[in-house]
């Protein structure tokens, strides 16, 4: 039985594409299904200035494979074991070896 987990993107992975992260997850019996995308600076400015032109956080299901991640992003991943249970350093090393 799998569960849906929300995982932070390690800082050293912010320039990777969805395609490379998806392939990495598949090798670990995980399925990347979406991104929680937010730009903290833009969102804070929009709430402070009430500007409708600024983007708010959003969920992007099945994003295109060429989209690059940022360290503000979080990933929706289906997997049997919660990846948050692993040490952060180990996750960063794993993502770094894509």
PDB file of N, CA and C in Angstrom:
ATOM      1  N   UNK A   1       0.834  -1.172   0.000  1.00  0.00           N
ATOM      2  CA  UNK A   1       0.000   0.000   0.000  1.00  0.00           C
ATOM      3  C   UNK A   1       0.887   1.246   0.000  1.00  0.00           C
ATOM      4  N   UNK A   2       0.604   2.167  -0.871  1.00  0.00           N
ATOM      5  CA  UNK A   2       1.391   3.392  -0.981  1.00  0.00           C
ATOM      6  C   UNK A   2       0.676   4.552  -0.312  1.00  0.00           C
ATOM      7  N   UNK A   3       1.462   5.537   0.051  1.00  0.00           N
ATOM      8  CA  UNK A   3       0.891   6.763   0.607  1.00  0.00           C
ATOM      9  C   UNK A   3       1.456   7.957  -0.146  1.00  0.00           C
ATOM     10  N   UNK A   4       0.727   9.059  -0.091  1.00  0.00           N
ATOM     11  CA  UNK A   4       1.153  10.287  -0.750  1.00  0.00           C
ATOM     12  C   UNK A   4       1.980  11.096   0.231  1.00  0.00           C
ATOM     13  N   UNK A   5       3.176  11.488  -0.190  1.00  0.00           N
ATOM     14  CA  UNK A   5       4.093  12.243   0.654  1.00  0.00           C
ATOM     15  C   UNK A   5       4.489  13.533  -0.039  1.00  0.00           C
ATOM     16  N   UNK A   6       4.698  14.567   0.760  1.00  0.00           N
ATOM     17  CA  UNK A   6       5.172  15.849   0.261  1.00  0.00           C
ATOM     18  C   UNK A   6       6.606  16.013   0.723  1.00  0.00           C
ATOM     19  N   UNK A   7       7.543  16.107  -0.239  1.00  0.00           N
ATOM     20  CA  UNK A   7       8.973  16.093   0.047  1.00  0.00           C
ATOM     21  C   UNK A   7       9.608  17.400  -0.417  1.00  0.00           C
ATOM     22  N   UNK A   8      10.415  18.003   0.431  1.00  0.00           N
ATOM     23  CA  UNK A   8      11.138  19.216   0.053  1.00  0.00           C
ATOM     24  C   UNK A   8      12.236  18.872  -0.953  1.00  0.00           C
ATOM     25  N   UNK A   9      12.500  19.792  -1.852  1.00  0.00           N
ATOM     26  CA  UNK A   9      13.584  19.627  -2.819  1.00  0.00           C
ATOM     27  C   UNK A   9      14.879  20.106  -2.160  1.00  0.00           C
ATOM     28  N   UNK A  10      15.892  19.241  -2.060  1.00  0.00           N
ATOM     29  CA  UNK A  10      17.171  19.684  -1.488  1.00  0.00           C
ATOM     30  C   UNK A  10      17.774  20.814  -2.307  1.00  0.00           C
ATOM     31  N   UNK A  11      18.469  21.723  -1.642  1.00  0.00           N
ATOM     32  CA  UNK A  11      19.045  22.904  -2.307  1.00  0.00           C
ATOM     33  C   UNK A  11      19.965  22.529  -3.467  1.00  0.00           C
ATOM     34  N   UNK A  12      20.679  21.397  -3.353  1.00  0.00           N
ATOM     35  CA  UNK A  12      21.603  21.014  -4.427  1.00  0.00           C
ATOM     36  C   UNK A  12      20.882  20.422  -5.640  1.00  0.00           C
ATOM     37  N   UNK A  13      19.565  20.336  -5.592  1.00  0.00           N
ATOM     38  CA  UNK A  13      18.795  19.761  -6.700  1.00  0.00           C
ATOM     39  C   UNK A  13      17.932  20.791  -7.412  1.00  0.00           C
ATOM     40  N   UNK A  14      18.096  22.060  -7.083  1.00  0.00           N
ATOM     41  CA  UNK A  14      17.182  23.064  -7.599  1.00  0.00           C
ATOM     42  C   UNK A  14      17.253  23.275  -9.106  1.00  0.00           C
ATOM     43  N   UNK A  15      18.332  22.888  -9.755  1.00  0.00           N
ATOM     44  CA  UNK A  15      18.428  23.076 -11.205  1.00  0.00           C
ATOM     45  C   UNK A  15      18.093  21.811 -11.988  1.00  0.00           C
ATOM     46  N   UNK A  16      17.709  20.753 -11.298  1.00  0.00           N
ATOM     47  CA  UNK A  16      17.365  19.506 -11.981  1.00  0.00           C
ATOM     48  C   UNK A  16      15.986  19.604 -12.612  1.00  0.00           C
ATOM     49  N   UNK A  17      15.767  18.807 -13.640  1.00  0.00           N
ATOM     50  CA  UNK A  17      14.465  18.791 -14.303  1.00  0.00           C
ATOM     51  C   UNK A  17      13.564  17.733 -13.678  1.00  0.00           C
ATOM     52  N   UNK A  18      12.282  17.874 -13.945  1.00  0.00           N
ATOM     53  CA  UNK A  18      11.306  16.892 -13.476  1.00  0.00           C
ATOM     54  C   UNK A  18      11.654  15.512 -14.020  1.00  0.00           C
ATOM     55  N   UNK A  19      12.100  15.452 -15.260  1.00  0.00           N
ATOM     56  CA  UNK A  19      12.443  14.164 -15.880  1.00  0.00           C
ATOM     57  C   UNK A  19      13.512  13.431 -15.083  1.00  0.00           C
ATOM     58  N   UNK A  20      14.573  14.118 -14.682  1.00  0.00           N
ATOM     59  CA  UNK A  20      15.648  13.453 -13.941  1.00  0.00           C
ATOM     60  C   UNK A  20      15.190  13.024 -12.543  1.00  0.00           C
ATOM     61  N   UNK A  21      14.379  13.851 -11.893  1.00  0.00           N
ATOM     62  CA  UNK A  21      13.858  13.488 -10.569  1.00  0.00           C
ATOM     63  C   UNK A  21      12.883  12.322 -10.690  1.00  0.00           C
ATOM     64  N   UNK A  22      12.037  12.337 -11.726  1.00  0.00           N
ATOM     65  CA  UNK A  22      11.088  11.242 -11.942  1.00  0.00           C
ATOM     66  C   UNK A  22      11.831   9.916 -12.112  1.00  0.00           C
ATOM     67  N   UNK A  23      12.863   9.906 -12.950  1.00  0.00           N
ATOM     68  CA  UNK A  23      13.633   8.680 -13.178  1.00  0.00           C
ATOM     69  C   UNK A  23      14.320   8.213 -11.891  1.00  0.00           C
ATOM     70  N   UNK A  24      14.833   9.156 -11.116  1.00  0.00           N
ATOM     71  CA  UNK A  24      15.451   8.820  -9.835  1.00  0.00           C
ATOM     72  C   UNK A  24      14.425   8.171  -8.901  1.00  0.00           C
ATOM     73  N   UNK A  25      13.234   8.749  -8.838  1.00  0.00           N
ATOM     74  CA  UNK A  25      12.187   8.206  -7.969  1.00  0.00           C
ATOM     75  C   UNK A  25      11.771   6.802  -8.403  1.00  0.00           C
ATOM     76  N   UNK A  26      11.626   6.594  -9.705  1.00  0.00           N
ATOM     77  CA  UNK A  26      11.227   5.275 -10.222  1.00  0.00           C
ATOM     78  C   UNK A  26      12.226   4.198  -9.787  1.00  0.00           C
ATOM     79  N   UNK A  27      13.522   4.528  -9.839  1.00  0.00           N
ATOM     80  CA  UNK A  27      14.550   3.561  -9.412  1.00  0.00           C
ATOM     81  C   UNK A  27      14.412   3.211  -7.933  1.00  0.00           C
ATOM     82  N   UNK A  28      13.757   4.059  -7.169  1.00  0.00           N
ATOM     83  CA  UNK A  28      13.577   3.823  -5.730  1.00  0.00           C
ATOM     84  C   UNK A  28      12.151   3.374  -5.416  1.00  0.00           C
ATOM     85  N   UNK A  29      11.414   2.903  -6.416  1.00  0.00           N
ATOM     86  CA  UNK A  29      10.024   2.452  -6.252  1.00  0.00           C
ATOM     87  C   UNK A  29       9.123   3.558  -5.725  1.00  0.00           C
ATOM     88  N   UNK A  30       9.314   4.748  -6.240  1.00  0.00           N
ATOM     89  CA  UNK A  30       8.495   5.901  -5.907  1.00  0.00           C
ATOM     90  C   UNK A  30       7.969   6.498  -7.204  1.00  0.00           C
ATOM     91  N   UNK A  31       6.814   7.160  -7.121  1.00  0.00           N
ATOM     92  CA  UNK A  31       6.236   7.783  -8.308  1.00  0.00           C
ATOM     93  C   UNK A  31       5.997   9.263  -8.026  1.00  0.00           C
ATOM     94  N   UNK A  32       6.672  10.113  -8.765  1.00  0.00           N
ATOM     95  CA  UNK A  32       6.481  11.559  -8.680  1.00  0.00           C
ATOM     96  C   UNK A  32       5.221  11.907  -9.446  1.00  0.00           C
ATOM     97  N   UNK A  33       4.243  12.525  -8.772  1.00  0.00           N
ATOM     98  CA  UNK A  33       2.985  12.837  -9.459  1.00  0.00           C
ATOM     99  C   UNK A  33       2.712  14.337  -9.593  1.00  0.00           C
ATOM    100  N   UNK A  34       3.453  15.161  -8.847  1.00  0.00           N
ATOM    101  CA  UNK A  34       3.202  16.591  -8.955  1.00  0.00           C
ATOM    102  C   UNK A  34       4.165  17.423  -8.140  1.00  0.00           C
ATOM    103  N   UNK A  35       4.015  18.742  -8.291  1.00  0.00           N
ATOM    104  CA  UNK A  35       4.859  19.718  -7.603  1.00  0.00           C
ATOM    105  C   UNK A  35       3.962  20.691  -6.843  1.00  0.00           C
ATOM    106  N   UNK A  36       4.385  21.034  -5.638  1.00  0.00           N
ATOM    107  CA  UNK A  36       3.793  22.178  -4.946  1.00  0.00           C
ATOM    108  C   UNK A  36       4.756  23.315  -5.201  1.00  0.00           C
ATOM    109  N   UNK A  37       4.372  24.240  -6.038  1.00  0.00           N
ATOM    110  CA  UNK A  37       5.271  25.306  -6.489  1.00  0.00           C
ATOM    111  C   UNK A  37       4.902  26.609  -5.794  1.00  0.00           C
ATOM    112  N   UNK A  38       5.924  27.224  -5.209  1.00  0.00           N
ATOM    113  CA  UNK A  38       5.713  28.522  -4.572  1.00  0.00           C
ATOM    114  C   UNK A  38       6.990  29.338  -4.700  1.00  0.00           C
ATOM    115  N   UNK A  39       6.793  30.617  -4.835  1.00  0.00           N
ATOM    116  CA  UNK A  39       7.909  31.549  -4.854  1.00  0.00           C
ATOM    117  C   UNK A  39       7.673  32.481  -3.676  1.00  0.00           C
ATOM    118  N   UNK A  40       8.377  32.224  -2.605  1.00  0.00           N
ATOM    119  CA  UNK A  40       8.137  32.926  -1.352  1.00  0.00           C
ATOM    120  C   UNK A  40       8.176  34.439  -1.531  1.00  0.00           C
ATOM    121  N   UNK A  41       9.191  34.965  -2.215  1.00  0.00           N
ATOM    122  CA  UNK A  41       9.335  36.409  -2.379  1.00  0.00           C
ATOM    123  C   UNK A  41       8.147  37.009  -3.118  1.00  0.00           C
ATOM    124  N   UNK A  42       7.771  36.392  -4.239  1.00  0.00           N
ATOM    125  CA  UNK A  42       6.642  36.910  -5.010  1.00  0.00           C
ATOM    126  C   UNK A  42       5.338  36.810  -4.231  1.00  0.00           C
ATOM    127  N   UNK A  43       5.155  35.711  -3.505  1.00  0.00           N
ATOM    128  CA  UNK A  43       3.913  35.542  -2.755  1.00  0.00           C
ATOM    129  C   UNK A  43       3.816  36.561  -1.624  1.00  0.00           C
ATOM    130  N   UNK A  44       4.903  36.816  -0.910  1.00  0.00           N
ATOM    131  CA  UNK A  44       4.886  37.793   0.173  1.00  0.00           C
ATOM    132  C   UNK A  44       4.616  39.189  -0.373  1.00  0.00           C
ATOM    133  N   UNK A  45       5.198  39.517  -1.504  1.00  0.00           N
ATOM    134  CA  UNK A  45       4.950  40.824  -2.103  1.00  0.00           C
ATOM    135  C   UNK A  45       3.489  40.966  -2.501  1.00  0.00           C
ATOM    136  N   UNK A  46       2.906  39.904  -3.037  1.00  0.00           N
ATOM    137  CA  UNK A  46       1.524  39.998  -3.497  1.00  0.00           C
ATOM    138  C   UNK A  46       0.565  40.133  -2.324  1.00  0.00           C
ATOM    139  N   UNK A  47       0.861  39.494  -1.193  1.00  0.00           N
ATOM    140  CA  UNK A  47      -0.030  39.623  -0.043  1.00  0.00           C
ATOM    141  C   UNK A  47       0.157  40.967   0.635  1.00  0.00           C
ATOM    142  N   UNK A  48       1.366  41.503   0.600  1.00  0.00           N
ATOM    143  CA  UNK A  48       1.619  42.815   1.202  1.00  0.00           C
ATOM    144  C   UNK A  48       1.026  43.936   0.349  1.00  0.00           C
ATOM    145  N   UNK A  49       1.191  43.859  -0.943  1.00  0.00           N
ATOM    146  CA  UNK A  49       0.770  44.935  -1.838  1.00  0.00           C
ATOM    147  C   UNK A  49      -0.600  44.683  -2.466  1.00  0.00           C
ATOM    148  N   UNK A  50      -1.156  43.514  -2.237  1.00  0.00           N
ATOM    149  CA  UNK A  50      -2.431  43.118  -2.832  1.00  0.00           C
ATOM    150  C   UNK A  50      -2.439  43.309  -4.341  1.00  0.00           C
ATOM    151  N   UNK A  51      -1.348  42.886  -4.971  1.00  0.00           N
ATOM    152  CA  UNK A  51      -1.217  42.983  -6.420  1.00  0.00           C
ATOM    153  C   UNK A  51      -1.743  41.703  -7.043  1.00  0.00           C
ATOM    154  N   UNK A  52      -2.689  41.813  -7.958  1.00  0.00           N
ATOM    155  CA  UNK A  52      -3.264  40.622  -8.582  1.00  0.00           C
ATOM    156  C   UNK A  52      -2.342  40.020  -9.631  1.00  0.00           C
ATOM    157  N   UNK A  53      -1.278  40.724 -10.034  1.00  0.00           N
ATOM    158  CA  UNK A  53      -0.368  40.229 -11.061  1.00  0.00           C
ATOM    159  C   UNK A  53       0.639  39.225 -10.543  1.00  0.00           C
ATOM    160  N   UNK A  54       0.785  39.086  -9.246  1.00  0.00           N
ATOM    161  CA  UNK A  54       1.759  38.161  -8.661  1.00  0.00           C
ATOM    162  C   UNK A  54       1.132  36.771  -8.524  1.00  0.00           C
ATOM    163  N   UNK A  55       1.952  35.740  -8.644  1.00  0.00           N
ATOM    164  CA  UNK A  55       1.422  34.385  -8.548  1.00  0.00           C
ATOM    165  C   UNK A  55       1.413  33.912  -7.101  1.00  0.00           C
ATOM    166  N   UNK A  56       0.446  33.091  -6.784  1.00  0.00           N
ATOM    167  CA  UNK A  56       0.323  32.478  -5.463  1.00  0.00           C
ATOM    168  C   UNK A  56       0.806  31.040  -5.568  1.00  0.00           C
ATOM    169  N   UNK A  57       1.050  30.395  -4.441  1.00  0.00           N
ATOM    170  CA  UNK A  57       1.451  28.973  -4.497  1.00  0.00           C
ATOM    171  C   UNK A  57       0.374  28.142  -5.214  1.00  0.00           C
ATOM    172  N   UNK A  58       0.811  27.099  -5.899  1.00  0.00           N
ATOM    173  CA  UNK A  58      -0.130  26.242  -6.612  1.00  0.00           C
ATOM    174  C   UNK A  58       0.425  24.825  -6.716  1.00  0.00           C
ATOM    175  N   UNK A  59      -0.461  23.882  -6.993  1.00  0.00           N
ATOM    176  CA  UNK A  59      -0.089  22.481  -7.213  1.00  0.00           C
ATOM    177  C   UNK A  59      -0.146  22.222  -8.709  1.00  0.00           C
ATOM    178  N   UNK A  60       0.902  21.583  -9.225  1.00  0.00           N
ATOM    179  CA  UNK A  60       0.995  21.279 -10.653  1.00  0.00           C
ATOM    180  C   UNK A  60       1.100  19.767 -10.787  1.00  0.00           C
ATOM    181  N   UNK A  61      -0.003  19.144 -11.203  1.00  0.00           N
ATOM    182  CA  UNK A  61      -0.024  17.700 -11.382  1.00  0.00           C
ATOM    183  C   UNK A  61       0.488  17.356 -12.783  1.00  0.00           C
ATOM    184  N   UNK A  62       1.317  16.322 -12.866  1.00  0.00           N
ATOM    185  CA  UNK A  62       1.902  15.860 -14.126  1.00  0.00           C
ATOM    186  C   UNK A  62       2.577  17.015 -14.880  1.00  0.00           C
ATOM    187  N   UNK A  63       3.584  17.639 -14.250  1.00  0.00           N
ATOM    188  CA  UNK A  63       4.270  18.754 -14.908  1.00  0.00           C
ATOM    189  C   UNK A  63       5.088  18.272 -16.111  1.00  0.00           C
ATOM    190  N   UNK A  64       5.337  19.140 -17.073  1.00  0.00           N
ATOM    191  CA  UNK A  64       6.172  18.776 -18.229  1.00  0.00           C
ATOM    192  C   UNK A  64       7.567  18.345 -17.775  1.00  0.00           C
ATOM    193  N   UNK A  65       8.178  17.436 -18.520  1.00  0.00           N
ATOM    194  CA  UNK A  65       9.454  16.853 -18.099  1.00  0.00           C
ATOM    195  C   UNK A  65      10.621  17.831 -18.120  1.00  0.00           C
ATOM    196  N   UNK A  66      10.510  18.928 -18.834  1.00  0.00           N
ATOM    197  CA  UNK A  66      11.633  19.866 -18.917  1.00  0.00           C
ATOM    198  C   UNK A  66      11.575  20.985 -17.871  1.00  0.00           C
ATOM    199  N   UNK A  67      10.595  20.982 -16.999  1.00  0.00           N
ATOM    200  CA  UNK A  67      10.479  22.012 -15.952  1.00  0.00           C
ATOM    201  C   UNK A  67      11.611  21.840 -14.943  1.00  0.00           C
ATOM    202  N   UNK A  68      12.284  22.941 -14.610  1.00  0.00           N
ATOM    203  CA  UNK A  68      13.358  22.888 -13.617  1.00  0.00           C
ATOM    204  C   UNK A  68      12.794  23.182 -12.233  1.00  0.00           C
ATOM    205  N   UNK A  69      13.345  22.480 -11.245  1.00  0.00           N
ATOM    206  CA  UNK A  69      12.921  22.660  -9.865  1.00  0.00           C
ATOM    207  C   UNK A  69      13.644  23.839  -9.227  1.00  0.00           C
ATOM    208  N   UNK A  70      13.022  24.396  -8.192  1.00  0.00           N
ATOM    209  CA  UNK A  70      13.667  25.400  -7.357  1.00  0.00           C
ATOM    210  C   UNK A  70      13.660  24.881  -5.930  1.00  0.00           C
ATOM    211  N   UNK A  71      14.469  25.485  -5.067  1.00  0.00           N
ATOM    212  CA  UNK A  71      14.514  24.988  -3.692  1.00  0.00           C
ATOM    213  C   UNK A  71      13.237  25.359  -2.927  1.00  0.00           C
ATOM    214  N   UNK A  72      12.371  26.187  -3.505  1.00  0.00           N
ATOM    215  CA  UNK A  72      11.074  26.489  -2.891  1.00  0.00           C
ATOM    216  C   UNK A  72      10.050  25.397  -3.180  1.00  0.00           C
ATOM    217  N   UNK A  73      10.300  24.569  -4.188  1.00  0.00           N
ATOM    218  CA  UNK A  73       9.348  23.534  -4.594  1.00  0.00           C
ATOM    219  C   UNK A  73       9.315  22.381  -3.601  1.00  0.00           C
ATOM    220  N   UNK A  74       8.173  21.701  -3.599  1.00  0.00           N
ATOM    221  CA  UNK A  74       8.039  20.440  -2.885  1.00  0.00           C
ATOM    222  C   UNK A  74       7.421  19.446  -3.857  1.00  0.00           C
ATOM    223  N   UNK A  75       7.712  18.168  -3.656  1.00  0.00           N
ATOM    224  CA  UNK A  75       7.283  17.130  -4.587  1.00  0.00           C
ATOM    225  C   UNK A  75       6.231  16.234  -3.957  1.00  0.00           C
ATOM    226  N   UNK A  76       5.174  15.942  -4.710  1.00  0.00           N
ATOM    227  CA  UNK A  76       4.199  14.947  -4.296  1.00  0.00           C
ATOM    228  C   UNK A  76       4.672  13.600  -4.836  1.00  0.00           C
ATOM    229  N   UNK A  77       4.938  12.664  -3.930  1.00  0.00           N
ATOM    230  CA  UNK A  77       5.502  11.373  -4.308  1.00  0.00           C
ATOM    231  C   UNK A  77       4.677  10.254  -3.677  1.00  0.00           C
ATOM    232  N   UNK A  78       4.307   9.266  -4.503  1.00  0.00           N
ATOM    233  CA  UNK A  78       3.661   8.053  -3.997  1.00  0.00           C
ATOM    234  C   UNK A  78       4.738   7.035  -3.690  1.00  0.00           C
ATOM    235  N   UNK A  79       4.720   6.481  -2.483  1.00  0.00           N
ATOM    236  CA  UNK A  79       5.689   5.453  -2.128  1.00  0.00           C
ATOM    237  C   UNK A  79       5.208   4.692  -0.898  1.00  0.00           C
ATOM    238  N   UNK A  80       5.785   3.513  -0.690  1.00  0.00           N
ATOM    239  CA  UNK A  80       5.403   2.686   0.445  1.00  0.00           C
ATOM    240  C   UNK A  80       5.939   3.234   1.756  1.00  0.00           C
ATOM    241  N   UNK A  81       7.177   3.684   1.741  1.00  0.00           N
ATOM    242  CA  UNK A  81       7.824   4.185   2.938  1.00  0.00           C
ATOM    243  C   UNK A  81       7.961   5.698   2.841  1.00  0.00           C
ATOM    244  N   UNK A  82       7.667   6.400   3.925  1.00  0.00           N
ATOM    245  CA  UNK A  82       7.791   7.854   3.935  1.00  0.00           C
ATOM    246  C   UNK A  82       9.253   8.239   3.802  1.00  0.00           C
ATOM    247  N   UNK A  83       9.648   8.921   2.702  1.00  0.00           N
ATOM    248  CA  UNK A  83      11.048   9.295   2.498  1.00  0.00           C
ATOM    249  C   UNK A  83      11.559  10.297   3.527  1.00  0.00           C
ATOM    250  N   UNK A  84      10.667  10.953   4.250  1.00  0.00           N
ATOM    251  CA  UNK A  84      11.102  11.884   5.285  1.00  0.00           C
ATOM    252  C   UNK A  84      11.764  11.147   6.436  1.00  0.00           C
ATOM    253  N   UNK A  85      11.544   9.850   6.521  1.00  0.00           N
ATOM    254  CA  UNK A  85      12.151   9.051   7.569  1.00  0.00           C
ATOM    255  C   UNK A  85      13.644   8.864   7.378  1.00  0.00           C
ATOM    256  N   UNK A  86      14.131   9.069   6.153  1.00  0.00           N
ATOM    257  CA  UNK A  86      15.561   8.947   5.875  1.00  0.00           C
ATOM    258  C   UNK A  86      16.250  10.247   6.262  1.00  0.00           C
ATOM    259  N   UNK A  87      17.529  10.171   6.515  1.00  0.00           N
ATOM    260  CA  UNK A  87      18.249  11.373   6.916  1.00  0.00           C
ATOM    261  C   UNK A  87      18.335  12.356   5.758  1.00  0.00           C
ATOM    262  N   UNK A  88      18.296  13.609   6.070  1.00  0.00           N
ATOM    263  CA  UNK A  88      18.355  14.652   5.045  1.00  0.00           C
ATOM    264  C   UNK A  88      19.648  14.571   4.252  1.00  0.00           C
ATOM    265  N   UNK A  89      20.762  14.324   4.932  1.00  0.00           N
ATOM    266  CA  UNK A  89      22.051  14.250   4.245  1.00  0.00           C
ATOM    267  C   UNK A  89      22.051  13.123   3.218  1.00  0.00           C
ATOM    268  N   UNK A  90      21.468  11.976   3.581  1.00  0.00           N
ATOM    269  CA  UNK A  90      21.408  10.854   2.648  1.00  0.00           C
ATOM    270  C   UNK A  90      20.562  11.223   1.430  1.00  0.00           C
ATOM    271  N   UNK A  91      19.430  11.887   1.644  1.00  0.00           N
ATOM    272  CA  UNK A  91      18.589  12.299   0.518  1.00  0.00           C
ATOM    273  C   UNK A  91      19.326  13.251  -0.400  1.00  0.00           C
ATOM    274  N   UNK A  92      20.060  14.204   0.186  1.00  0.00           N
ATOM    275  CA  UNK A  92      20.807  15.161  -0.630  1.00  0.00           C
ATOM    276  C   UNK A  92      21.887  14.453  -1.443  1.00  0.00           C
ATOM    277  N   UNK A  93      22.533  13.459  -0.846  1.00  0.00           N
ATOM    278  CA  UNK A  93      23.562  12.714  -1.580  1.00  0.00           C
ATOM    279  C   UNK A  93      22.917  11.921  -2.717  1.00  0.00           C
ATOM    280  N   UNK A  94      21.774  11.307  -2.444  1.00  0.00           N
ATOM    281  CA  UNK A  94      21.078  10.523  -3.468  1.00  0.00           C
ATOM    282  C   UNK A  94      20.648  11.397  -4.641  1.00  0.00           C
ATOM    283  N   UNK A  95      20.033  12.538  -4.347  1.00  0.00           N
ATOM    284  CA  UNK A  95      19.601  13.426  -5.417  1.00  0.00           C
ATOM    285  C   UNK A  95      20.801  13.948  -6.184  1.00  0.00           C
ATOM    286  N   UNK A  96      21.911  14.142  -5.508  1.00  0.00           N
ATOM    287  CA  UNK A  96      23.101  14.689  -6.156  1.00  0.00           C
ATOM    288  C   UNK A  96      23.748  13.731  -7.127  1.00  0.00           C
ATOM    289  N   UNK A  97      23.401  12.437  -7.082  1.00  0.00           N
ATOM    290  CA  UNK A  97      24.044  11.453  -7.937  1.00  0.00           C
ATOM    291  C   UNK A  97      23.188  11.079  -9.151  1.00  0.00           C
ATOM    292  N   UNK A  98      22.265  11.930  -9.522  1.00  0.00           N
ATOM    293  CA  UNK A  98      21.390  11.606 -10.650  1.00  0.00           C
ATOM    294  C   UNK A  98      22.120  11.480 -11.934  1.00  0.00           C
TER     295      UNK A  98
END
